[in-house]
Amino acid sequence: MSRITARRETLTMRVQPVILIPALAAGLGLLLGGCGSSGSPSSAKSPGTSPARSAPGAGGSAAASSIKANWVAFFAASTPVSRRVQLLQNGQQFQSLISAQSKSPLASSASAKVISVSNVTATQATVKYSILAGGQTALPHQTGVAVKQGGTWKVGDASFCGLLRLEQTRNLPAACSSAG
């Protein structure tokens, strides 16, 4: 192998993750994610079910379980756009963007792995997660927020806007200007 070919392969290997992360965030936007205190995304509710809700007065464990199920569903490639909109704080403001991103070829291989759900209050929780593409970690150890809106735990728009900023989305929805 020539020196130039070896150098080109080395550069390609270095550049791919840099290109992949923004493309992943763009293409996966709403198809990414996962959250929860432990377990795999396969233990979450199927995307076709209605959003998980915490029972009134439910403890942190029940809330964490609901947060995880909804976070995983939000980022799952098989979840319909209408459901993703329901699972995102202020989701209606992001509907056209979510719809456009769902058509990305990268979207079909996206998922997220939840590392933990912590700091659960009556209205908010911290979610640590990694974004996966084709089963491989593409964006590790992200920290996001879940919010309880209308009785349902949802992916916080601040978390989604953070991913959109990471992928340098132009014309961010107005909701991103007020989201952390």
Protein backbone atom coordinates (compact mmCIF):
# COMPACT_ATOMS: atom_id res chain seq x y z
CA MET A 1 0.00 0.00 0.00
CA SER A 2 1.41 3.36 -0.94
CA ARG A 3 2.10 6.02 1.61
CA ILE A 4 -0.54 8.31 0.07
CA THR A 5 -3.20 5.59 0.13
CA ALA A 6 -2.42 4.82 3.78
CA ARG A 7 -2.61 8.51 4.67
CA ARG A 8 -5.92 8.90 2.79
CA GLU A 9 -7.40 5.92 4.68
CA THR A 10 -6.22 7.36 7.99
CA LEU A 11 -7.79 10.74 7.19
CA THR A 12 -11.01 9.07 6.07
CA MET A 13 -11.22 7.18 9.34
CA ARG A 14 -10.72 10.40 11.28
CA VAL A 15 -13.18 12.47 9.27
CA GLN A 16 -16.07 10.00 9.17
CA PRO A 17 -17.08 10.41 12.84
CA VAL A 18 -16.91 14.18 12.49
CA ILE A 19 -19.18 14.03 9.44
CA LEU A 20 -21.37 11.31 10.91
CA ILE A 21 -22.29 13.13 14.12
CA PRO A 22 -23.85 16.20 12.48
CA ALA A 23 -25.47 14.05 9.80
CA LEU A 24 -26.80 11.76 12.48
CA ALA A 25 -28.21 14.60 14.50
CA ALA A 26 -29.79 16.05 11.36
CA GLY A 27 -31.09 12.84 9.95
CA LEU A 28 -32.09 11.38 13.22
CA GLY A 29 -33.26 14.42 15.07
CA LEU A 30 -36.32 12.79 16.47
CA LEU A 31 -35.32 9.28 15.71
CA LEU A 32 -32.51 9.26 18.18
CA GLY A 33 -32.51 8.76 21.82
CA GLY A 34 -33.25 6.66 24.72
CA CYS A 35 -33.38 7.30 28.36
CA GLY A 36 -33.91 5.53 31.58
CA SER A 37 -32.13 4.34 34.63
CA SER A 38 -31.11 1.02 33.13
CA GLY A 39 -32.07 -1.61 30.62
CA SER A 40 -32.15 -1.72 26.87
CA PRO A 41 -34.45 0.14 24.54
CA SER A 42 -36.14 -3.17 23.71
CA SER A 43 -37.67 -3.16 27.18
CA ALA A 44 -39.52 0.09 26.40
CA LYS A 45 -43.13 0.24 25.23
CA SER A 46 -43.60 -0.31 21.55
CA PRO A 47 -43.84 2.87 19.50
CA GLY A 48 -47.43 2.11 18.55
CA THR A 49 -48.73 2.45 22.09
CA SER A 50 -49.97 5.67 23.63
CA PRO A 51 -47.50 7.81 25.60
CA ALA A 52 -46.61 6.40 28.98
CA ARG A 53 -47.94 8.48 31.84
CA SER A 54 -46.93 8.56 35.46
CA ALA A 55 -49.70 7.80 37.88
CA PRO A 56 -50.49 10.67 40.23
CA GLY A 57 -48.15 10.44 43.15
CA ALA A 58 -46.03 7.80 41.42
CA GLY A 59 -42.52 7.48 42.76
CA GLY A 60 -39.29 8.26 40.96
CA SER A 61 -39.04 4.70 39.66
CA ALA A 62 -42.43 4.86 37.90
CA ALA A 63 -41.56 8.28 36.49
CA ALA A 64 -38.16 7.06 35.31
CA SER A 65 -39.83 4.12 33.59
CA SER A 66 -42.29 6.43 31.79
CA ILE A 67 -39.52 8.83 30.85
CA LYS A 68 -37.44 6.01 29.41
CA ALA A 69 -40.32 4.52 27.41
CA ASN A 70 -41.26 7.86 25.90
CA TRP A 71 -37.67 8.97 25.25
CA VAL A 72 -36.88 5.71 23.45
CA ALA A 73 -40.09 5.91 21.41
CA PHE A 74 -39.36 9.51 20.43
CA PHE A 75 -36.02 8.56 18.91
CA ALA A 76 -37.01 5.16 17.46
CA ALA A 77 -37.01 4.92 13.66
CA SER A 78 -40.27 2.97 13.74
CA THR A 79 -42.20 5.62 15.66
CA PRO A 80 -44.63 7.59 13.46
CA VAL A 81 -44.07 11.33 13.13
CA SER A 82 -47.40 12.09 14.82
CA ARG A 83 -46.31 10.15 17.90
CA ARG A 84 -42.90 11.85 17.98
CA VAL A 85 -44.64 15.21 17.93
CA GLN A 86 -46.67 14.09 20.97
CA LEU A 87 -43.50 13.00 22.77
CA LEU A 88 -41.62 16.30 22.36
CA GLN A 89 -42.23 19.30 24.59
CA ASN A 90 -43.99 21.88 22.39
CA GLY A 91 -43.88 19.25 19.64
CA GLN A 92 -46.35 21.02 17.36
CA GLN A 93 -43.76 23.76 16.82
CA PHE A 94 -41.33 21.14 15.49
CA GLN A 95 -43.75 19.05 13.40
CA SER A 96 -42.49 20.06 9.93
CA LEU A 97 -38.87 19.63 10.97
CA ILE A 98 -39.58 16.22 12.53
CA SER A 99 -41.39 15.14 9.38
CA ALA A 100 -38.54 16.25 7.11
CA GLN A 101 -35.91 14.55 9.24
CA SER A 102 -37.85 11.30 9.35
CA LYS A 103 -37.29 10.95 5.60
CA SER A 104 -33.51 10.93 5.94
CA PRO A 105 -31.81 7.65 5.01
CA LEU A 106 -29.81 7.84 8.24
CA ALA A 107 -33.02 7.93 10.24
CA SER A 108 -33.74 4.24 9.69
CA SER A 109 -30.58 3.18 11.54
CA ALA A 110 -30.86 5.61 14.44
CA SER A 111 -31.62 4.84 18.05
CA ALA A 112 -30.52 5.86 21.46
CA LYS A 113 -29.33 4.09 24.54
CA VAL A 114 -30.38 5.49 27.88
CA ILE A 115 -27.68 5.49 30.47
CA SER A 116 -29.71 6.94 33.35
CA VAL A 117 -32.64 9.02 34.52
CA SER A 118 -31.94 11.10 37.62
CA ASN A 119 -33.01 14.21 39.54
CA VAL A 120 -36.66 13.32 38.97
CA THR A 121 -39.08 15.97 40.27
CA ALA A 122 -42.80 16.35 39.63
CA THR A 123 -42.12 18.16 36.34
CA GLN A 124 -38.55 17.51 35.20
CA ALA A 125 -35.75 14.92 35.11
CA THR A 126 -32.20 14.61 33.83
CA VAL A 127 -31.58 12.01 31.13
CA LYS A 128 -28.15 10.69 30.16
CA TYR A 129 -28.10 8.93 26.81
CA SER A 130 -26.02 8.05 23.76
CA ILE A 131 -27.05 8.28 20.12
CA LEU A 132 -26.48 5.18 18.04
CA ALA A 133 -26.28 4.69 14.27
CA GLY A 134 -26.50 1.16 13.00
CA GLY A 135 -25.99 -0.04 16.55
CA GLN A 136 -22.70 1.84 16.93
CA THR A 137 -22.29 4.77 19.31
CA ALA A 138 -22.10 7.97 17.27
CA LEU A 139 -22.76 10.59 19.93
CA PRO A 140 -21.85 9.27 23.38
CA HIS A 141 -22.76 10.45 26.87
CA GLN A 142 -25.25 13.21 26.13
CA THR A 143 -27.22 14.90 28.91
CA GLY A 144 -30.78 15.99 28.27
CA VAL A 145 -33.94 16.89 30.08
CA ALA A 146 -37.34 15.26 30.20
CA VAL A 147 -40.34 17.40 31.10
CA LYS A 148 -43.81 16.51 32.22
CA GLN A 149 -46.28 18.35 30.02
CA GLY A 150 -50.01 17.64 30.02
CA GLY A 151 -49.47 14.64 32.30
CA THR A 152 -47.00 13.00 29.89
CA TRP A 153 -43.22 12.76 30.22
CA LYS A 154 -41.67 14.20 27.05
CA VAL A 155 -38.26 14.89 25.56
CA GLY A 156 -37.50 18.48 26.54
CA ASP A 157 -37.32 20.88 23.64
CA ALA A 158 -34.02 22.15 25.07
CA SER A 159 -32.54 18.69 24.49
CA PHE A 160 -33.88 18.47 20.95
CA CYS A 161 -32.76 22.02 20.15
CA GLY A 162 -29.30 21.12 21.47
CA LEU A 163 -29.09 18.29 18.94
CA LEU A 164 -30.32 20.61 16.19
CA ARG A 165 -27.64 23.16 17.12
CA LEU A 166 -25.00 20.43 17.14
CA GLU A 167 -25.89 19.51 13.60
CA GLN A 168 -26.02 23.20 12.68
CA THR A 169 -29.64 23.22 11.52
CA ARG A 170 -30.54 26.45 9.79
CA ASN A 171 -33.80 28.20 10.56
CA LEU A 172 -34.35 26.66 13.96
CA PRO A 173 -37.96 26.71 15.16
CA ALA A 174 -38.84 29.68 17.37
CA ALA A 175 -39.17 27.29 20.32
CA CYS A 176 -35.38 26.85 20.21
CA SER A 177 -34.77 30.52 20.96
CA SER A 178 -36.38 30.11 24.38
CA ALA A 179 -35.12 26.56 24.98
CA GLY A 180 -31.88 26.26 26.94
